[in-house]
C-alpha atoms as a PDB file:
ATOM      1  CA  MET A   1     -10.221   8.034  26.092  1.00  0.00           C
ATOM      2  CA  LYS A   2      -6.705   7.850  24.749  1.00  0.00           C
ATOM      3  CA  VAL A   3      -6.048   9.167  21.433  1.00  0.00           C
ATOM      4  CA  GLU A   4      -3.268   7.716  19.201  1.00  0.00           C
ATOM      5  CA  VAL A   5      -1.283  10.155  17.530  1.00  0.00           C
ATOM      6  CA  PRO A   6       0.448   9.068  14.251  1.00  0.00           C
ATOM      7  CA  LEU A   7       4.354   8.980  14.232  1.00  0.00           C
ATOM      8  CA  PHE A   8       4.285   8.946  10.393  1.00  0.00           C
ATOM      9  CA  GLN A   9       1.457   9.498   7.773  1.00  0.00           C
ATOM     10  CA  GLU A  10       1.435   9.361   4.029  1.00  0.00           C
ATOM     11  CA  VAL A  11      -1.326   9.468   1.442  1.00  0.00           C
ATOM     12  CA  GLN A  12      -0.366   8.420  -2.165  1.00  0.00           C
ATOM     13  CA  TYR A  13      -2.505   8.337  -5.027  1.00  0.00           C
ATOM     14  CA  PHE A  14      -2.101   6.287  -8.242  1.00  0.00           C
ATOM     15  CA  HIS A  15      -0.574   7.985 -11.384  1.00  0.00           C
ATOM     16  CA  PRO A  16      -3.281  10.297 -13.113  1.00  0.00           C
ATOM     17  CA  LEU A  17      -2.884   8.125 -16.131  1.00  0.00           C
ATOM     18  CA  VAL A  18      -4.689   5.179 -14.191  1.00  0.00           C
ATOM     19  CA  TYR A  19      -7.672   7.641 -13.464  1.00  0.00           C
ATOM     20  CA  ALA A  20      -7.728   8.434 -17.267  1.00  0.00           C
ATOM     21  CA  ILE A  21      -7.800   4.714 -18.325  1.00  0.00           C
ATOM     22  CA  VAL A  22     -10.647   3.797 -15.838  1.00  0.00           C
ATOM     23  CA  GLY A  23     -12.571   6.866 -17.211  1.00  0.00           C
ATOM     24  CA  ILE A  24     -12.189   5.728 -20.941  1.00  0.00           C
ATOM     25  CA  VAL A  25     -12.908   2.219 -20.130  1.00  0.00           C
ATOM     26  CA  ALA A  26     -16.254   3.451 -18.492  1.00  0.00           C
ATOM     27  CA  LEU A  27     -17.010   5.846 -21.496  1.00  0.00           C
ATOM     28  CA  VAL A  28     -16.307   3.276 -24.349  1.00  0.00           C
ATOM     29  CA  PRO A  29     -19.425   1.222 -23.619  1.00  0.00           C
ATOM     30  CA  VAL A  30     -21.594   4.298 -23.059  1.00  0.00           C
ATOM     31  CA  ALA A  31     -20.462   5.520 -26.589  1.00  0.00           C
ATOM     32  CA  THR A  32     -21.233   2.194 -28.227  1.00  0.00           C
ATOM     33  CA  GLY A  33     -24.844   2.114 -26.873  1.00  0.00           C
ATOM     34  CA  LEU A  34     -24.579  -0.573 -24.216  1.00  0.00           C
ATOM     35  CA  PRO A  35     -27.928  -1.641 -22.753  1.00  0.00           C
ATOM     36  CA  ALA A  36     -28.970   0.268 -19.534  1.00  0.00           C
ATOM     37  CA  ALA A  37     -28.735  -2.673 -17.214  1.00  0.00           C
ATOM     38  CA  SER A  38     -24.989  -3.450 -18.259  1.00  0.00           C
ATOM     39  CA  LEU A  39     -24.531   0.244 -18.126  1.00  0.00           C
ATOM     40  CA  VAL A  40     -25.438   0.472 -14.378  1.00  0.00           C
ATOM     41  CA  GLY A  41     -23.282  -2.544 -13.463  1.00  0.00           C
ATOM     42  CA  LEU A  42     -20.433  -1.019 -15.393  1.00  0.00           C
ATOM     43  CA  LEU A  43     -20.917   2.405 -13.592  1.00  0.00           C
ATOM     44  CA  VAL A  44     -20.823   0.745 -10.267  1.00  0.00           C
ATOM     45  CA  VAL A  45     -17.689  -1.200 -10.805  1.00  0.00           C
ATOM     46  CA  THR A  46     -15.992   2.004 -12.123  1.00  0.00           C
ATOM     47  CA  GLY A  47     -17.125   3.934  -9.300  1.00  0.00           C
ATOM     48  CA  ILE A  48     -15.827   1.390  -6.804  1.00  0.00           C
ATOM     49  CA  THR A  49     -12.359   1.114  -8.663  1.00  0.00           C
ATOM     50  CA  LEU A  50     -11.906   5.077  -8.400  1.00  0.00           C
ATOM     51  CA  LEU A  51     -12.919   4.863  -4.749  1.00  0.00           C
ATOM     52  CA  LEU A  52     -10.022   2.555  -4.146  1.00  0.00           C
ATOM     53  CA  LEU A  53      -7.272   4.420  -6.031  1.00  0.00           C
ATOM     54  CA  ARG A  54      -5.754   6.068  -2.901  1.00  0.00           C
ATOM     55  CA  MET A  55      -3.327   4.605  -0.161  1.00  0.00           C
ATOM     56  CA  LYS A  56      -2.780   5.886   3.371  1.00  0.00           C
ATOM     57  CA  THR A  57       0.071   4.561   5.461  1.00  0.00           C
ATOM     58  CA  THR A  58      -0.004   5.524   9.187  1.00  0.00           C
ATOM     59  CA  VAL A  59       2.649   4.245  11.810  1.00  0.00           C
ATOM     60  CA  TYR A  60       1.399   4.261  15.478  1.00  0.00           C
ATOM     61  CA  THR A  61       3.444   3.251  18.494  1.00  0.00           C
ATOM     62  CA  GLY A  62       2.552  -0.468  18.441  1.00  0.00           C
ATOM     63  CA  TYR A  63       1.462  -1.087  14.692  1.00  0.00           C
ATOM     64  CA  ILE A  64       1.267   0.002  10.946  1.00  0.00           C
ATOM     65  CA  LEU A  65      -1.784   0.692   9.203  1.00  0.00           C
ATOM     66  CA  ILE A  66      -2.342   0.626   5.554  1.00  0.00           C
ATOM     67  CA  GLU A  67      -5.632   1.798   4.052  1.00  0.00           C
ATOM     68  CA  PHE A  68      -6.848   1.860   0.512  1.00  0.00           C
ATOM     69  CA  GLY A  69      -9.777   3.865  -0.586  1.00  0.00           C
ATOM     70  CA  TRP A  70     -11.101   7.271   0.251  1.00  0.00           C
ATOM     71  CA  PHE A  71     -13.236   5.629   2.744  1.00  0.00           C
ATOM     72  CA  HIS A  72     -10.609   3.070   3.961  1.00  0.00           C
ATOM     73  CA  LEU A  73     -12.377  -0.018   2.213  1.00  0.00           C
ATOM     74  CA  ILE A  74      -9.565  -2.119   2.503  1.00  0.00           C
ATOM     75  CA  ARG A  75      -7.319  -1.992   5.623  1.00  0.00           C
ATOM     76  CA  PHE A  76      -4.276  -4.032   6.621  1.00  0.00           C
ATOM     77  CA  ARG A  77      -2.836  -3.742   9.996  1.00  0.00           C
ATOM     78  CA  ILE A  78       0.657  -4.957  10.776  1.00  0.00           C
ATOM     79  CA  SER A  79       1.647  -5.117  14.629  1.00  0.00           C
ATOM     80  CA  LEU A  80       5.178  -3.999  15.098  1.00  0.00           C
ATOM     81  CA  SER A  81       5.696  -7.090  17.407  1.00  0.00           C
ATOM     82  CA  GLU A  82       5.561  -9.244  14.307  1.00  0.00           C
ATOM     83  CA  VAL A  83       8.368  -7.148  12.498  1.00  0.00           C
ATOM     84  CA  ASN A  84      11.860  -8.394  12.717  1.00  0.00           C
ATOM     85  CA  SER A  85      13.463  -5.596  10.707  1.00  0.00           C
ATOM     86  CA  CYS A  86      12.731  -3.085   8.073  1.00  0.00           C
ATOM     87  CA  GLN A  87      15.027  -1.345   5.485  1.00  0.00           C
ATOM     88  CA  PRO A  88      14.167   1.202   2.580  1.00  0.00           C
ATOM     89  CA  THR A  89      14.455  -0.233  -0.987  1.00  0.00           C
ATOM     90  CA  SER A  90      13.792   0.233  -4.489  1.00  0.00           C
ATOM     91  CA  TYR A  91      12.038  -2.492  -6.516  1.00  0.00           C
ATOM     92  CA  ARG A  92      10.730  -2.981 -10.115  1.00  0.00           C
ATOM     93  CA  PRO A  93       6.855  -3.051  -9.466  1.00  0.00           C
ATOM     94  CA  ILE A  94       5.968  -4.360 -13.205  1.00  0.00           C
ATOM     95  CA  ARG A  95       8.698  -7.061 -13.182  1.00  0.00           C
ATOM     96  CA  GLN A  96       8.536  -8.141  -9.530  1.00  0.00           C
ATOM     97  CA  PHE A  97       4.816  -7.739  -8.801  1.00  0.00           C
ATOM     98  CA  GLY A  98       2.924  -6.972 -12.060  1.00  0.00           C
ATOM     99  CA  GLY A  99       2.199  -3.540 -11.246  1.00  0.00           C
ATOM    100  CA  TRP A 100       1.014  -1.501  -8.367  1.00  0.00           C
ATOM    101  CA  GLY A 101      -1.789  -1.900  -5.765  1.00  0.00           C
ATOM    102  CA  ILE A 102      -2.031  -4.969  -3.415  1.00  0.00           C
ATOM    103  CA  ARG A 103       0.193  -7.245  -5.101  1.00  0.00           C
ATOM    104  CA  TRP A 104       1.861 -10.842  -4.473  1.00  0.00           C
ATOM    105  CA  GLY A 105       5.244 -11.439  -6.056  1.00  0.00           C
ATOM    106  CA  GLN A 106       8.954 -11.694  -5.632  1.00  0.00           C
ATOM    107  CA  TRP A 107      11.389  -9.600  -3.780  1.00  0.00           C
ATOM    108  CA  GLU A 108      14.974 -10.909  -3.590  1.00  0.00           C
ATOM    109  CA  GLY A 109      13.944 -14.515  -4.290  1.00  0.00           C
ATOM    110  CA  LYS A 110      11.404 -14.480  -1.519  1.00  0.00           C
ATOM    111  CA  LYS A 111       7.524 -14.412  -1.967  1.00  0.00           C
ATOM    112  CA  ALA A 112       6.201 -11.185  -0.813  1.00  0.00           C
ATOM    113  CA  TRP A 113       3.114  -8.743  -0.609  1.00  0.00           C
ATOM    114  CA  ALA A 114       3.494  -5.220  -2.022  1.00  0.00           C
ATOM    115  CA  TYR A 115       1.084  -2.535  -1.049  1.00  0.00           C
ATOM    116  CA  THR A 116       1.931   0.342  -3.369  1.00  0.00           C
ATOM    117  CA  THR A 117       0.400   3.115  -5.598  1.00  0.00           C
ATOM    118  CA  ARG A 118       3.101   4.294  -7.781  1.00  0.00           C
ATOM    119  CA  GLY A 119       6.931   4.533  -8.228  1.00  0.00           C
ATOM    120  CA  ASN A 120       9.631   2.114  -7.353  1.00  0.00           C
ATOM    121  CA  LYS A 121      10.604   3.281  -3.658  1.00  0.00           C
ATOM    122  CA  ALA A 122       9.324   1.193  -0.622  1.00  0.00           C
ATOM    123  CA  VAL A 123      10.190  -0.060   2.656  1.00  0.00           C
ATOM    124  CA  VAL A 124      10.465  -3.778   3.033  1.00  0.00           C
ATOM    125  CA  LEU A 125       9.309  -5.321   6.178  1.00  0.00           C
ATOM    126  CA  PHE A 126      10.611  -8.753   7.427  1.00  0.00           C
ATOM    127  CA  THR A 127       8.412 -10.757   9.620  1.00  0.00           C
ATOM    128  CA  ALA A 128       8.682 -14.478  10.739  1.00  0.00           C
ATOM    129  CA  LYS A 129       5.850 -15.418   8.346  1.00  0.00           C
ATOM    130  CA  ARG A 130       6.077 -13.021   5.651  1.00  0.00           C
ATOM    131  CA  THR A 131       7.733 -10.187   3.681  1.00  0.00           C
ATOM    132  CA  ILE A 132       5.834  -7.041   2.780  1.00  0.00           C
ATOM    133  CA  LEU A 133       6.773  -4.067   0.534  1.00  0.00           C
ATOM    134  CA  LEU A 134       5.151  -0.764   1.598  1.00  0.00           C
ATOM    135  CA  GLY A 135       5.295   1.803  -1.309  1.00  0.00           C
ATOM    136  CA  THR A 136       6.347   5.260  -0.236  1.00  0.00           C
ATOM    137  CA  SER A 137       7.865   8.393  -1.393  1.00  0.00           C
ATOM    138  CA  ARG A 138       9.848   8.861   1.795  1.00  0.00           C
ATOM    139  CA  PRO A 139      11.330   5.405   2.357  1.00  0.00           C
ATOM    140  CA  GLU A 140      14.319   6.668   4.503  1.00  0.00           C
ATOM    141  CA  LEU A 141      11.973   8.370   6.908  1.00  0.00           C
ATOM    142  CA  LEU A 142       9.533   5.659   7.070  1.00  0.00           C
ATOM    143  CA  SER A 143      12.112   3.141   7.700  1.00  0.00           C
ATOM    144  CA  ARG A 144      13.880   5.372  10.384  1.00  0.00           C
ATOM    145  CA  VAL A 145      10.498   5.718  12.361  1.00  0.00           C
ATOM    146  CA  ILE A 146       9.732   1.960  12.097  1.00  0.00           C
ATOM    147  CA  ASN A 147      13.385   1.045  13.236  1.00  0.00           C
ATOM    148  CA  THR A 148      13.249   3.636  16.189  1.00  0.00           C
ATOM    149  CA  LEU A 149       9.957   2.006  17.496  1.00  0.00           C
ATOM    150  CA  LEU A 150      11.427  -1.524  17.052  1.00  0.00           C
ATOM    151  CA  GLN A 151      14.379  -0.482  19.231  1.00  0.00           C
ATOM    152  CA  LYS A 152      12.365   1.581  21.803  1.00  0.00           C
ATOM    153  CA  SER A 153       9.961  -1.256  22.144  1.00  0.00           C
ATOM    154  CA  GLY A 154      12.470  -3.855  22.597  1.00  0.00           C
ATOM    155  CA  TYR A 155      10.732  -6.025  19.777  1.00  0.00           C
ATOM    156  CA  CYS A 156      14.098  -6.596  18.124  1.00  0.00           C
ATOM    157  CA  PRO A 157      16.572  -6.106  20.991  1.00  0.00           C
ATOM    158  CA  ASP A 158      19.291  -8.279  19.160  1.00  0.00           C
ATOM    159  CA  LYS A 159      19.138  -6.178  15.831  1.00  0.00           C
ATOM    160  CA  ALA A 160      21.608  -3.199  15.137  1.00  0.00           C
ATOM    161  CA  TYR A 161      20.063  -0.648  12.890  1.00  0.00           C
END
């Protein structure tokens, strides 16, 4: 059995203020005497929300894997054969995407998906069908790893990086 070795891996968490807000929102109904049935539902929703506040980006030889949550409840796999190019970038999360998380918005006049947790640094991936921003604290390194794989694999033989 062949084991794939990650060429890049980064785990990011949302800002601690997000965890505090979720906790306060969960406690307010408890303090106001919410009925038990509603309280159970609220605690389940709060628990699921807290479980999703983590993003892991892993680059393997042939694909990029983005996972949200402690137990990888939400996963996105992007084949490098789909990627035409990529570059590090800065963006405005609130203005362009309405915040952090899994978002649909605008990047340089194009519709784009953003997978982010915090900050304003990302790598933008250009494919034939879509534009994708991957939030990262190390955009230059992530971009270099992806572009090196694109060159070595021949997915983008005409591109100069």
